[in-house]
C-alpha atoms as a PDB file:
ATOM      1  CA  UNK A   1      74.697 163.086  59.740  1.00  0.00           C
ATOM      2  CA  UNK A   2      71.430 161.923  61.129  1.00  0.00           C
ATOM      3  CA  UNK A   3      72.443 158.099  60.111  1.00  0.00           C
ATOM      4  CA  UNK A   4      75.606 158.604  61.874  1.00  0.00           C
ATOM      5  CA  UNK A   5      73.629 159.492  65.154  1.00  0.00           C
ATOM      6  CA  UNK A   6      71.624 156.844  64.773  1.00  0.00           C
ATOM      7  CA  UNK A   7      74.537 154.148  64.284  1.00  0.00           C
ATOM      8  CA  UNK A   8      76.158 155.715  67.538  1.00  0.00           C
ATOM      9  CA  UNK A   9      72.747 155.390  69.764  1.00  0.00           C
ATOM     10  CA  UNK A  10      72.284 151.682  68.264  1.00  0.00           C
ATOM     11  CA  UNK A  11      76.018 150.781  69.155  1.00  0.00           C
ATOM     12  CA  UNK A  12      75.512 152.226  72.756  1.00  0.00           C
ATOM     13  CA  UNK A  13      72.430 150.401  73.157  1.00  0.00           C
ATOM     14  CA  UNK A  14      74.123 147.081  72.343  1.00  0.00           C
ATOM     15  CA  UNK A  15      77.090 147.590  74.444  1.00  0.00           C
ATOM     16  CA  UNK A  16      74.658 148.500  77.370  1.00  0.00           C
ATOM     17  CA  UNK A  17      72.694 145.455  76.522  1.00  0.00           C
ATOM     18  CA  UNK A  18      75.779 143.368  76.485  1.00  0.00           C
ATOM     19  CA  UNK A  19      77.425 144.981  79.487  1.00  0.00           C
ATOM     20  CA  UNK A  20      73.613 144.093  81.527  1.00  0.00           C
ATOM     21  CA  UNK A  21      73.699 140.430  80.476  1.00  0.00           C
ATOM     22  CA  UNK A  22      77.138 139.895  81.608  1.00  0.00           C
ATOM     23  CA  UNK A  23      76.598 141.172  84.846  1.00  0.00           C
ATOM     24  CA  UNK A  24      73.230 139.615  85.262  1.00  0.00           C
ATOM     25  CA  UNK A  25      74.946 136.398  84.184  1.00  0.00           C
ATOM     26  CA  UNK A  26      77.566 136.820  86.643  1.00  0.00           C
ATOM     27  CA  UNK A  27      75.399 137.773  89.425  1.00  0.00           C
ATOM     28  CA  UNK A  28      73.221 134.602  88.614  1.00  0.00           C
ATOM     29  CA  UNK A  29      76.454 132.259  89.040  1.00  0.00           C
ATOM     30  CA  UNK A  30      75.607 131.374  85.219  1.00  0.00           C
ATOM     31  CA  UNK A  31      79.771 131.664  84.908  1.00  0.00           C
ATOM     32  CA  UNK A  32      80.522 129.814  88.024  1.00  0.00           C
ATOM     33  CA  UNK A  33      82.100 126.699  86.669  1.00  0.00           C
ATOM     34  CA  UNK A  34      82.055 127.140  82.598  1.00  0.00           C
ATOM     35  CA  UNK A  35      84.608 124.356  81.974  1.00  0.00           C
ATOM     36  CA  UNK A  36      82.086 122.100  83.187  1.00  0.00           C
ATOM     37  CA  UNK A  37      80.360 121.704  79.601  1.00  0.00           C
ATOM     38  CA  UNK A  38      83.815 120.874  78.428  1.00  0.00           C
ATOM     39  CA  UNK A  39      84.389 118.103  80.416  1.00  0.00           C
ATOM     40  CA  UNK A  40      80.761 116.773  79.970  1.00  0.00           C
ATOM     41  CA  UNK A  41      81.802 116.366  76.408  1.00  0.00           C
ATOM     42  CA  UNK A  42      85.149 114.992  76.702  1.00  0.00           C
ATOM     43  CA  UNK A  43      84.282 112.402  79.334  1.00  0.00           C
ATOM     44  CA  UNK A  44      80.980 111.223  77.070  1.00  0.00           C
ATOM     45  CA  UNK A  45      83.313 110.691  74.252  1.00  0.00           C
ATOM     46  CA  UNK A  46      85.818 109.087  76.162  1.00  0.00           C
ATOM     47  CA  UNK A  47      83.394 106.854  77.672  1.00  0.00           C
ATOM     48  CA  UNK A  48      81.620 105.359  74.615  1.00  0.00           C
ATOM     49  CA  UNK A  49      83.451 102.012  74.157  1.00  0.00           C
ATOM     50  CA  UNK A  50      81.568 101.625  70.711  1.00  0.00           C
ATOM     51  CA  UNK A  51      83.575 104.587  69.136  1.00  0.00           C
ATOM     52  CA  UNK A  52      86.857 103.633  70.527  1.00  0.00           C
ATOM     53  CA  UNK A  53      86.078 100.309  68.649  1.00  0.00           C
ATOM     54  CA  UNK A  54      85.073 102.325  65.572  1.00  0.00           C
ATOM     55  CA  UNK A  55      88.394 104.272  65.578  1.00  0.00           C
ATOM     56  CA  UNK A  56      90.888 102.588  63.523  1.00  0.00           C
ATOM     57  CA  UNK A  57      94.917 103.415  63.731  1.00  0.00           C
ATOM     58  CA  UNK A  58      95.556 105.480  60.608  1.00  0.00           C
ATOM     59  CA  UNK A  59      97.795 104.113  58.169  1.00  0.00           C
ATOM     60  CA  UNK A  60     101.098 105.637  56.942  1.00  0.00           C
ATOM     61  CA  UNK A  61      99.303 106.767  53.512  1.00  0.00           C
ATOM     62  CA  UNK A  62      96.370 108.347  55.399  1.00  0.00           C
ATOM     63  CA  UNK A  63      98.580 110.020  58.073  1.00  0.00           C
ATOM     64  CA  UNK A  64     101.187 111.730  55.928  1.00  0.00           C
ATOM     65  CA  UNK A  65      99.727 111.287  52.423  1.00  0.00           C
ATOM     66  CA  UNK A  66     102.471 109.227  51.107  1.00  0.00           C
ATOM     67  CA  UNK A  67     101.852 106.275  49.151  1.00  0.00           C
ATOM     68  CA  UNK A  68     103.413 102.621  50.227  1.00  0.00           C
ATOM     69  CA  UNK A  69     105.842 100.912  47.845  1.00  0.00           C
ATOM     70  CA  UNK A  70     104.655  97.364  48.901  1.00  0.00           C
ATOM     71  CA  UNK A  71     101.109  96.460  47.437  1.00  0.00           C
END
């Protein structure tokens, strides 16, 4: 029974800590533009011309796993 109360107290402490951290983050405007990081990663990949040169259009065999008849 003692272990149950310890588990309940620990879960309440963790829940309160998470709620406090969430409220703190909202008040500090940490969540003002959460999509910004996604677009930074997207545009970094899209604007790298060296990566575009390395990307090769997959062949039919690699696309669906079938083997070509002509060799």
